[in-house]
Protein backbone atom coordinates (compact mmCIF):
# COMPACT_ATOMS: atom_id res chain seq x y z
CA MET A 1 13.52 -69.34 86.19
CA ASP A 2 15.84 -66.83 84.51
CA SER A 3 14.90 -64.64 81.57
CA ARG A 4 16.02 -65.73 78.11
CA ILE A 5 16.36 -63.99 74.78
CA LEU A 6 13.13 -64.97 73.02
CA PHE A 7 14.07 -63.33 69.72
CA SER A 8 15.93 -60.26 68.53
CA VAL A 9 15.55 -57.77 65.68
CA ASP A 10 18.09 -55.73 63.74
CA LEU A 11 16.14 -54.05 60.96
CA ASP A 12 15.87 -50.79 59.04
CA ILE A 13 13.81 -48.31 61.07
CA GLN A 14 12.74 -46.61 57.84
CA ARG A 15 10.47 -49.58 57.10
CA PHE A 16 8.33 -48.74 60.11
CA ASP A 17 6.97 -45.24 59.56
CA PRO A 18 5.43 -44.10 62.87
CA TYR A 19 3.40 -41.40 61.11
CA THR A 20 1.17 -43.89 59.28
CA ARG A 21 1.47 -47.10 61.29
CA GLU A 22 2.66 -48.63 64.54
CA VAL A 23 4.30 -52.06 64.47
CA TYR A 24 4.80 -54.47 67.37
CA MET A 25 6.13 -58.02 67.79
CA ALA A 26 5.15 -60.20 70.75
CA ALA A 27 6.15 -63.60 72.13
CA TYR A 28 3.53 -66.00 73.54
CA THR A 29 3.55 -69.49 74.96
CA SER A 30 1.92 -72.09 72.73
CA ASP A 31 -1.22 -71.99 74.90
CA GLY A 32 -1.64 -68.23 74.44
CA LYS A 33 0.04 -66.63 77.45
CA LEU A 34 1.74 -63.31 76.64
CA ILE A 35 5.43 -63.34 77.63
CA ASN A 36 6.62 -59.96 76.35
CA TYR A 37 6.42 -57.61 73.37
CA GLY A 38 8.37 -54.75 71.76
CA SER A 39 7.77 -51.87 69.35
CA LEU A 40 9.46 -51.72 65.95
CA SER A 41 8.22 -48.16 65.49
CA ASP A 42 10.23 -46.96 68.50
CA SER A 43 13.37 -48.91 67.61
CA ALA A 44 14.21 -51.59 65.06
CA LYS A 45 17.17 -53.05 66.97
CA TRP A 46 16.48 -54.82 70.26
CA GLU A 47 16.33 -58.12 72.13
CA LEU A 48 13.06 -59.39 73.54
CA LYS A 49 13.62 -61.20 76.82
CA GLY A 50 11.24 -63.15 79.01
CA LYS A 51 10.78 -66.24 81.12
CA CYS A 52 9.81 -69.34 79.16
CA ARG A 53 10.28 -73.04 79.90
CA ASP A 54 9.79 -74.26 76.32
CA ASP A 55 12.24 -74.06 73.44
CA LYS A 56 9.57 -72.78 71.07
CA ILE A 57 7.22 -69.80 71.18
CA ASP A 58 4.45 -68.32 69.08
CA ILE A 59 5.14 -64.87 67.59
CA LEU A 60 2.41 -62.34 66.87
CA TYR A 61 3.10 -59.41 64.58
CA PHE A 62 0.81 -56.36 64.92
CA GLU A 63 0.33 -53.48 62.46
CA ILE A 64 -1.88 -50.52 63.37
CA HIS A 65 -2.59 -48.20 60.45
CA ASN A 66 -3.47 -44.54 61.00
CA GLU A 67 -4.74 -45.47 64.47
CA GLY A 68 -7.82 -46.94 62.82
CA THR A 69 -7.21 -50.59 61.85
CA LEU A 70 -5.33 -53.48 63.42
CA ALA A 71 -3.84 -56.42 61.49
CA VAL A 72 -2.40 -59.42 63.34
CA ASP A 73 -0.20 -62.21 61.95
CA HIS A 74 0.23 -65.32 64.11
CA PHE A 75 3.26 -67.60 63.55
CA LYS A 76 3.41 -70.85 65.48
CA ASN A 77 6.24 -72.97 66.91
CA VAL A 78 9.16 -70.59 66.37
CA ALA A 79 12.46 -71.70 67.92
CA ILE A 80 13.65 -69.42 70.73
CA GLY A 81 16.58 -67.15 69.95
CA LYS A 82 15.76 -66.27 66.34
CA LEU A 83 17.38 -63.15 64.89
CA PHE A 84 15.28 -61.16 62.45
CA ALA A 85 17.80 -59.05 60.57
CA GLU A 86 17.94 -56.81 57.52
CA ALA A 87 17.95 -59.02 54.42
CA ASN A 88 18.79 -56.28 51.94
CA ALA A 89 19.43 -52.61 52.44
CA MET A 90 16.51 -50.40 51.59
CA GLU A 91 16.75 -49.17 48.02
CA PHE A 92 15.76 -45.54 48.02
CA HIS A 93 15.97 -43.67 44.78
CA SER A 94 16.26 -40.03 44.03
CA SER A 95 12.88 -38.40 43.63
CA GLU A 96 14.39 -35.89 41.24
CA TYR A 97 12.81 -35.98 37.83
CA PHE A 98 12.55 -33.80 34.77
CA ASP A 99 9.96 -33.44 32.06
CA LEU A 100 10.23 -34.02 28.34
CA THR A 101 7.75 -33.44 25.55
CA LEU A 102 6.81 -36.41 23.40
CA LYS A 103 5.74 -35.47 19.88
CA VAL A 104 4.25 -38.57 18.23
CA GLU A 105 2.75 -39.00 14.80
CA ASP A 106 -1.02 -39.20 15.30
CA PHE A 107 -1.59 -42.69 13.92
CA GLY A 108 -3.02 -44.39 16.99
CA ASN A 109 -6.32 -44.91 18.75
CA ARG A 110 -7.26 -42.40 21.40
CA ARG A 111 -10.46 -41.89 23.37
CA GLU A 112 -11.93 -39.29 21.04
CA ASN A 113 -10.81 -40.92 17.78
CA ASN A 114 -10.49 -44.71 17.65
CA THR A 115 -11.70 -47.78 15.77
CA SER A 116 -11.49 -50.32 18.55
CA LEU A 117 -14.35 -52.15 20.27
CA THR A 118 -12.36 -52.67 23.49
CA PHE A 119 -11.05 -50.11 25.96
CA PHE A 120 -7.65 -51.83 26.06
CA GLU A 121 -7.04 -51.11 22.38
CA SER A 122 -8.76 -47.71 22.25
CA ILE A 123 -6.11 -45.78 24.18
CA ALA A 124 -2.35 -45.33 24.29
CA HIS A 125 -0.50 -46.88 27.25
CA ASP A 126 2.53 -45.56 29.11
CA PHE A 127 4.79 -47.78 31.25
CA THR A 128 7.69 -46.62 33.42
CA ARG A 129 10.39 -48.72 35.10
CA GLY A 130 9.78 -49.12 38.81
CA SER A 131 6.14 -48.17 38.62
CA GLY A 132 3.72 -50.73 40.02
CA TYR A 133 0.91 -49.61 37.77
CA SER A 134 0.32 -48.56 34.20
CA GLY A 135 -1.56 -45.56 33.01
CA GLU A 136 -3.41 -44.23 30.04
CA PHE A 137 -1.27 -41.92 27.94
CA GLU A 138 -3.65 -39.01 27.56
CA TRP A 139 -2.54 -36.65 24.81
CA LYS A 140 -2.70 -32.97 25.73
CA LEU A 141 -2.61 -31.56 22.21
CA ILE A 142 -3.32 -32.81 18.70
CA GLU A 143 -1.88 -30.51 16.06
CA ASP A 144 -0.67 -30.78 12.45
CA GLY A 145 -0.75 -34.59 12.45
CA TYR A 146 1.10 -35.00 15.76
CA ALA A 147 0.01 -35.81 19.32
CA TYR A 148 1.81 -34.09 22.21
CA LYS A 149 2.27 -35.16 25.79
CA THR A 150 4.56 -34.20 28.69
CA ALA A 151 6.36 -37.23 30.15
CA TYR A 152 8.30 -37.36 33.42
CA PHE A 153 11.69 -39.09 33.66
CA TYR A 154 13.50 -39.90 36.93
CA SER A 155 17.18 -39.05 37.14
CA ASP A 156 18.01 -42.31 38.95
CA PRO A 157 19.44 -44.72 36.32
CA LYS A 158 17.67 -47.69 37.97
CA TYR A 159 14.44 -46.15 36.71
CA GLN A 160 15.73 -45.52 33.19
CA GLY A 161 13.38 -46.95 30.58
CA HIS A 162 9.87 -46.27 29.33
CA GLU A 163 7.52 -48.03 26.97
CA LEU A 164 4.88 -46.42 24.79
CA LEU A 165 2.18 -48.77 23.44
CA ILE A 166 -0.13 -47.46 20.70
CA PHE A 167 -2.82 -49.29 18.72
CA GLU A 168 -3.02 -48.20 15.10
CA ARG A 169 -6.27 -46.52 14.17
CA GLY A 170 -8.06 -48.60 11.55
CA THR A 171 -6.25 -51.92 12.06
CA ASN A 172 -6.09 -51.83 15.88
CA GLU A 173 -2.69 -53.48 15.63
CA PRO A 174 -0.22 -52.74 18.46
CA TYR A 175 2.98 -50.74 18.02
CA VAL A 176 5.67 -50.46 20.70
CA TYR A 177 8.43 -47.94 21.30
CA SER A 178 11.04 -48.19 24.06
CA ILE A 179 12.53 -44.91 25.32
CA ASP A 180 15.83 -45.96 26.87
CA ILE A 181 17.94 -42.82 27.02
CA PRO A 182 20.28 -42.07 29.97
CA SER A 183 19.20 -38.99 31.85
CA THR A 184 22.69 -37.57 31.32
CA ASP A 185 21.93 -37.36 27.60
CA LEU A 186 18.71 -35.44 28.10
CA THR A 187 17.96 -31.87 29.04
CA PRO A 188 14.74 -30.94 30.84
CA GLY A 189 12.28 -29.57 28.31
CA ASP A 190 13.70 -31.54 25.39
CA THR A 191 11.28 -32.80 22.74
CA ILE A 192 11.44 -36.38 21.46
CA THR A 193 9.84 -36.70 18.03
CA LEU A 194 8.56 -40.13 17.00
CA LYS A 195 7.02 -41.27 13.74
CA LYS A 196 5.04 -44.47 13.21
CA SER A 197 8.08 -45.94 11.44
CA ASP A 198 10.06 -45.61 14.72
CA PHE A 199 7.70 -48.07 16.44
CA THR A 200 8.03 -51.85 16.41
CA PRO A 201 4.94 -53.89 15.46
CA GLY A 202 3.64 -56.11 18.24
CA GLU A 203 1.16 -58.97 18.53
CA VAL A 204 -2.01 -59.20 20.61
CA ARG A 205 -2.42 -62.55 22.34
CA THR A 206 -5.36 -63.78 24.37
CA ILE A 207 -5.81 -66.00 27.42
CA LEU A 208 -9.17 -67.76 27.65
CA ILE A 209 -10.40 -68.14 31.23
CA SER A 210 -12.76 -70.87 32.41
CA SER A 211 -14.42 -70.63 35.83
CA SER A 212 -17.59 -72.67 35.84
CA HIS A 213 -18.06 -72.35 39.60
CA ASN A 214 -17.95 -68.60 40.12
CA GLU A 215 -18.35 -65.19 38.58
CA PHE A 216 -15.79 -62.41 38.87
CA ASP A 217 -15.47 -58.77 39.79
CA ASN A 218 -12.18 -58.12 38.01
CA ILE A 219 -9.46 -59.94 36.11
CA PHE A 220 -5.99 -58.43 35.70
CA LEU A 221 -2.89 -59.42 33.73
CA ASN A 222 0.50 -57.70 33.85
CA THR A 223 3.57 -58.73 31.85
CA TYR A 224 7.06 -57.56 32.86
CA ASN A 225 10.50 -56.96 31.39
CA SER A 226 13.58 -57.29 33.63
CA ILE A 227 17.08 -55.88 33.15
CA ASN A 228 19.89 -56.34 35.67
CA GLY A 229 20.56 -53.22 37.68
CA ARG A 230 17.20 -51.65 36.90
CA ARG A 231 13.66 -51.76 38.17
CA ASP A 232 11.22 -54.00 36.34
CA LEU A 233 9.03 -52.56 33.60
CA ILE A 234 5.40 -53.44 32.93
CA THR A 235 5.18 -54.19 29.20
CA SER A 236 1.41 -54.67 28.98
CA PHE A 237 -1.58 -54.48 31.26
CA ASP A 238 -5.20 -55.46 30.75
CA GLN A 239 -8.24 -55.44 33.02
CA VAL A 240 -11.53 -57.24 32.39
CA ILE A 241 -14.79 -56.48 34.12
CA PRO A 242 -18.04 -58.47 33.75
CA ASN A 243 -19.53 -57.87 30.31
CA PRO A 244 -22.91 -58.63 28.66
CA SER A 245 -21.43 -61.36 26.46
CA GLY A 246 -20.17 -63.24 29.49
CA GLU A 247 -16.84 -63.78 27.71
CA LYS A 248 -13.88 -64.38 29.99
CA CYS A 249 -10.62 -63.60 28.26
CA ILE A 250 -7.73 -61.21 28.76
CA LYS A 251 -5.12 -59.81 26.37
CA TYR A 252 -1.42 -59.02 26.41
CA ILE A 253 1.16 -57.72 23.94
CA VAL A 254 4.24 -59.50 22.64
CA SER A 255 7.00 -57.62 20.82
CA ASP A 256 10.64 -58.15 19.88
CA ILE A 257 11.72 -54.89 21.46
CA LEU A 258 10.96 -55.78 25.11
CA PRO A 259 10.72 -59.51 25.88
CA ILE A 260 8.43 -60.75 28.66
CA ASN A 261 10.45 -62.12 31.57
CA TYR A 262 7.52 -62.92 33.86
CA TRP A 263 3.77 -62.33 34.21
CA TYR A 264 1.20 -61.81 36.96
CA PHE A 265 -2.43 -62.94 36.63
CA ARG A 266 -5.21 -62.10 39.13
CA TYR A 267 -8.82 -63.32 39.19
CA PHE A 268 -11.12 -61.85 41.85
CA ALA A 269 -14.35 -63.75 42.55
CA SER A 270 -17.49 -61.71 43.00
CA SER A 271 -19.19 -63.63 45.80
CA SER A 272 -18.50 -65.31 49.13
CA GLY A 273 -17.81 -69.01 48.86
CA SER A 274 -16.12 -68.57 45.47
CA THR A 275 -12.41 -68.85 44.77
CA SER A 276 -10.12 -66.00 43.82
CA TYR A 277 -6.81 -66.93 42.21
CA THR A 278 -3.47 -65.28 41.51
CA MET A 279 -0.45 -66.61 39.65
CA ARG A 280 3.00 -65.15 39.10
CA SER A 281 5.38 -67.08 36.85
CA ASN A 282 8.25 -66.84 34.37
CA LYS A 283 7.07 -69.86 32.42
CA GLU A 284 5.42 -69.55 29.03
CA ILE A 285 2.07 -67.79 29.22
CA PRO A 286 -0.68 -70.37 28.63
CA SER A 287 -3.47 -69.92 26.10
CA SER A 288 -6.06 -70.79 28.75
CA ILE A 289 -6.38 -70.75 32.53
CA GLU A 290 -8.92 -72.75 34.54
CA ILE A 291 -9.88 -71.28 37.91
CA LYS A 292 -9.97 -74.30 40.22
CA GLU A 293 -12.08 -74.22 43.36
CA LEU A 294 -10.61 -74.20 46.85
CA THR A 295 -12.58 -76.89 48.70
CA GLY A 296 -12.15 -79.44 51.49
CA HIS A 297 -12.15 -76.94 54.36
CA LYS A 298 -14.64 -76.51 57.17
CA ILE A 299 -14.71 -74.02 60.05
CA THR A 300 -17.16 -74.24 62.97
CA LEU A 301 -17.45 -72.28 66.19
CA SER A 302 -17.75 -74.23 69.42
CA GLY A 303 -17.92 -72.03 72.49
CA ASN A 304 -14.96 -69.67 72.35
CA GLN A 305 -12.84 -71.79 70.02
CA PHE A 306 -12.94 -72.77 66.35
CA ASN A 307 -12.74 -76.27 64.93
CA PHE A 308 -11.01 -76.23 61.56
CA THR A 309 -10.46 -78.87 58.89
CA HIS A 310 -8.48 -78.37 55.69
CA SER A 311 -6.48 -80.38 53.15
CA ASN A 312 -3.83 -80.22 50.45
CA LEU A 313 -6.00 -80.05 47.32
CA PHE A 314 -3.49 -80.19 44.49
CA PRO A 315 -1.00 -83.05 44.99
CA ASP A 316 0.70 -82.22 41.69
CA LYS A 317 1.78 -78.86 43.17
CA ILE A 318 4.06 -78.04 46.10
CA ILE A 319 2.11 -76.44 48.96
CA ALA A 320 4.18 -73.92 50.91
CA ARG A 321 1.71 -72.58 53.46
CA SER A 322 -1.89 -71.69 54.16
CA GLN A 323 -3.64 -69.15 56.34
CA ILE A 324 -7.06 -68.53 57.81
CA THR A 325 -8.20 -64.99 58.50
CA PHE A 326 -10.53 -63.89 61.29
CA SER A 327 -12.06 -60.44 61.58
CA LYS A 328 -14.19 -58.26 63.81
CA GLY A 329 -15.64 -54.76 63.77
CA PHE A 330 -17.32 -52.74 61.05
CA CYS A 331 -15.62 -53.33 57.68
CA ASN A 332 -13.21 -55.75 59.38
CA VAL A 333 -11.36 -53.13 61.42
CA PHE A 334 -9.46 -55.96 63.16
CA THR A 335 -8.02 -58.89 61.18
CA TYR A 336 -6.11 -61.89 62.51
CA ASP A 337 -4.17 -64.19 60.15
CA LEU A 338 -3.16 -67.59 61.53
CA HIS A 339 -0.44 -69.20 59.39
CA PHE A 340 0.08 -72.93 58.77
CA ASP A 341 3.11 -74.64 57.29
CA GLY A 342 2.50 -76.73 54.17
CA SER A 343 2.86 -79.95 56.17
CA GLU A 344 0.17 -78.69 58.56
CA THR A 345 -2.32 -77.99 55.79
CA VAL A 346 -4.16 -81.26 56.27
CA GLY A 347 -6.50 -82.68 58.89
CA SER A 348 -8.39 -81.08 61.77
CA THR A 349 -7.25 -78.72 64.48
CA THR A 350 -8.66 -76.58 67.27
CA ILE A 351 -7.99 -72.84 67.05
CA ASN A 352 -7.83 -70.50 70.03
CA LEU A 353 -7.04 -66.92 69.06
CA PHE A 354 -4.62 -65.18 71.40
CA GLU A 355 -5.48 -62.03 73.31
CA ILE A 356 -3.99 -58.79 72.02
CA PRO A 357 -1.92 -56.99 74.68
CA HIS A 358 -4.14 -54.61 76.65
CA ASP A 359 -1.43 -51.94 76.73
CA ILE A 360 -1.40 -51.82 72.93
CA LEU A 361 -5.17 -51.67 72.55
CA SER A 362 -5.58 -48.95 75.18
CA LYS A 363 -3.45 -46.51 73.14
CA TYR A 364 -6.06 -46.19 70.39
CA THR A 365 -9.60 -44.83 70.34
CA ASP A 366 -12.32 -47.52 70.37
CA PHE A 367 -9.84 -50.42 70.14
CA LEU A 368 -10.84 -51.85 73.53
CA LYS A 369 -14.50 -51.64 72.49
CA ILE A 370 -13.82 -53.41 69.18
CA ASP A 371 -11.75 -56.04 70.96
CA SER A 372 -14.78 -57.00 73.08
CA LEU A 373 -16.57 -58.19 69.92
CA ASP A 374 -16.41 -61.80 68.72
CA TRP A 375 -14.06 -62.98 65.99
CA SER A 376 -15.55 -64.43 62.80
CA ALA A 377 -13.71 -66.55 60.24
CA SER A 378 -13.68 -64.51 57.04
CA GLN A 379 -11.10 -65.89 54.58
CA TYR A 380 -8.90 -68.90 53.84
CA SER A 381 -6.01 -69.20 51.37
CA GLN A 382 -3.39 -71.68 50.20
CA THR A 383 -0.05 -70.86 48.56
CA TYR A 384 1.56 -73.32 46.13
CA THR A 385 5.06 -72.74 44.75
CA ASN A 386 8.28 -74.51 43.82
CA LEU A 387 10.25 -71.57 45.23
CA PRO A 388 12.20 -72.32 48.44
CA GLU A 389 11.99 -70.22 51.61
CA ASN A 390 8.22 -69.79 51.58
CA SER A 391 7.28 -71.19 54.99
CA PRO A 392 5.20 -69.04 57.38
CA LEU A 393 8.40 -68.00 59.16
CA ASP A 394 9.95 -67.01 55.84
CA PHE A 395 6.82 -64.96 55.14
CA LEU A 396 7.37 -63.11 58.43
CA LYS A 397 11.07 -62.51 57.70
CA ASN A 398 10.69 -61.60 54.04
CA SER A 399 7.28 -60.05 53.49
CA ARG A 400 6.41 -58.51 56.82
CA LEU A 401 9.83 -57.38 58.07
CA ASN A 402 11.82 -56.81 54.90
CA TRP A 403 9.23 -56.02 52.18
CA ASN A 404 10.87 -58.65 50.02
CA ASP A 405 8.39 -61.32 48.88
CA ASN A 406 10.14 -64.48 47.76
CA ASN A 407 7.86 -65.03 44.77
CA SER A 408 10.25 -64.94 41.83
CA SER A 409 13.48 -66.54 40.63
CA ALA A 410 15.86 -66.76 37.68
CA ASN A 411 14.88 -70.44 37.39
CA ASP A 412 11.48 -71.61 36.18
CA TYR A 413 8.89 -70.99 38.85
CA ALA A 414 5.18 -70.65 39.55
CA PHE A 415 3.72 -68.88 42.58
CA GLU A 416 -0.02 -69.54 43.00
CA VAL A 417 -2.49 -68.42 45.67
CA PHE A 418 -6.06 -69.70 46.01
CA THR A 419 -8.33 -67.62 48.30
CA ILE A 420 -11.95 -68.05 49.39
CA ASN A 421 -14.21 -65.95 51.58
CA LEU A 422 -15.93 -67.97 54.29
CA TYR A 423 -17.97 -67.64 57.42
CA ALA A 424 -17.95 -69.75 60.56
CA ARG A 425 -21.16 -71.54 61.49
CA ASP A 426 -22.28 -72.56 64.99
């Protein structure tokens, strides 16, 4: 039997930084026999060849971080000869930035002088295009009725745009200002002076959250503004932690100056056996969200294999895929995600986890020792979305190899993930 091209890759090597992680892709037969594997950290353009009688293989993707943890993704029934290529060129931006001084009339709540009963409204918030997080705008100086702060602006025009959100002291009403000045019109060290009258009044809105089956550790809500040719901008961010009143609600800001183009809600359950939930959508933000439970699944261990049953729980939604996670070692040093297509997310199946190549494990301290431990089922999740190209293979191509999650669109969409921690029983 002659060797065949099992699959090939033509990717951007800069995605696979050998200083922090090692990445491998391997081909297996459907019954778990290793055919061959290659390293994406050594080269991101190669063909993987091997002898195989079938027209389909299973692909395992390995990531080893800082020589200390191993994450495995298992994709079943992949047609032989697939090309995994660069979807979009990497978008690097200039790290050059300059600082400006913001001089703002001192009319808003701040930690040491505020009238709010909530942390969200007791501080000023700063949002920058391209930043995945928001931060508190901590004033460095209060003098003669003005608050001063140094702000950093990137030179890259894709990152042009900032938002300053301040809650008025006394009324706790929100006020928004958008700083949208091309870097070519600014000189490092410039001072931007803003009075309360320069800000646009906003509105605080609330989402009530019902979750009768579980308690939570954290709830997060981000809203975003999008402009063609630029990075997205967080327009409001709120976090809720368990509180004595037991109230479950989260707030966001609406203003005319920066419309909300999409939003991202996350609910993290506090205990095993309870459902965590995330939703990303460009539809209208609802006034309430019910956290529905992920049920109908069962995992048992029989000898060296797992028996697994699961089902499509929400027939009114489109299920794209599901995955079950196994782990071993202290603090889950090894994880193994087995992916199912939406059509496979029903009924019972037998799971045999594939062996990790010995040559890979032997390169890292204690990996062979950890590998001798037994796997335990630790988590299960289901993804529902009306967005196309969200099969397990799409997840490999988009999320793992190209850092480009297909979880948004110009058309109306909803991208929902239900996750539950679980443990296998004998």
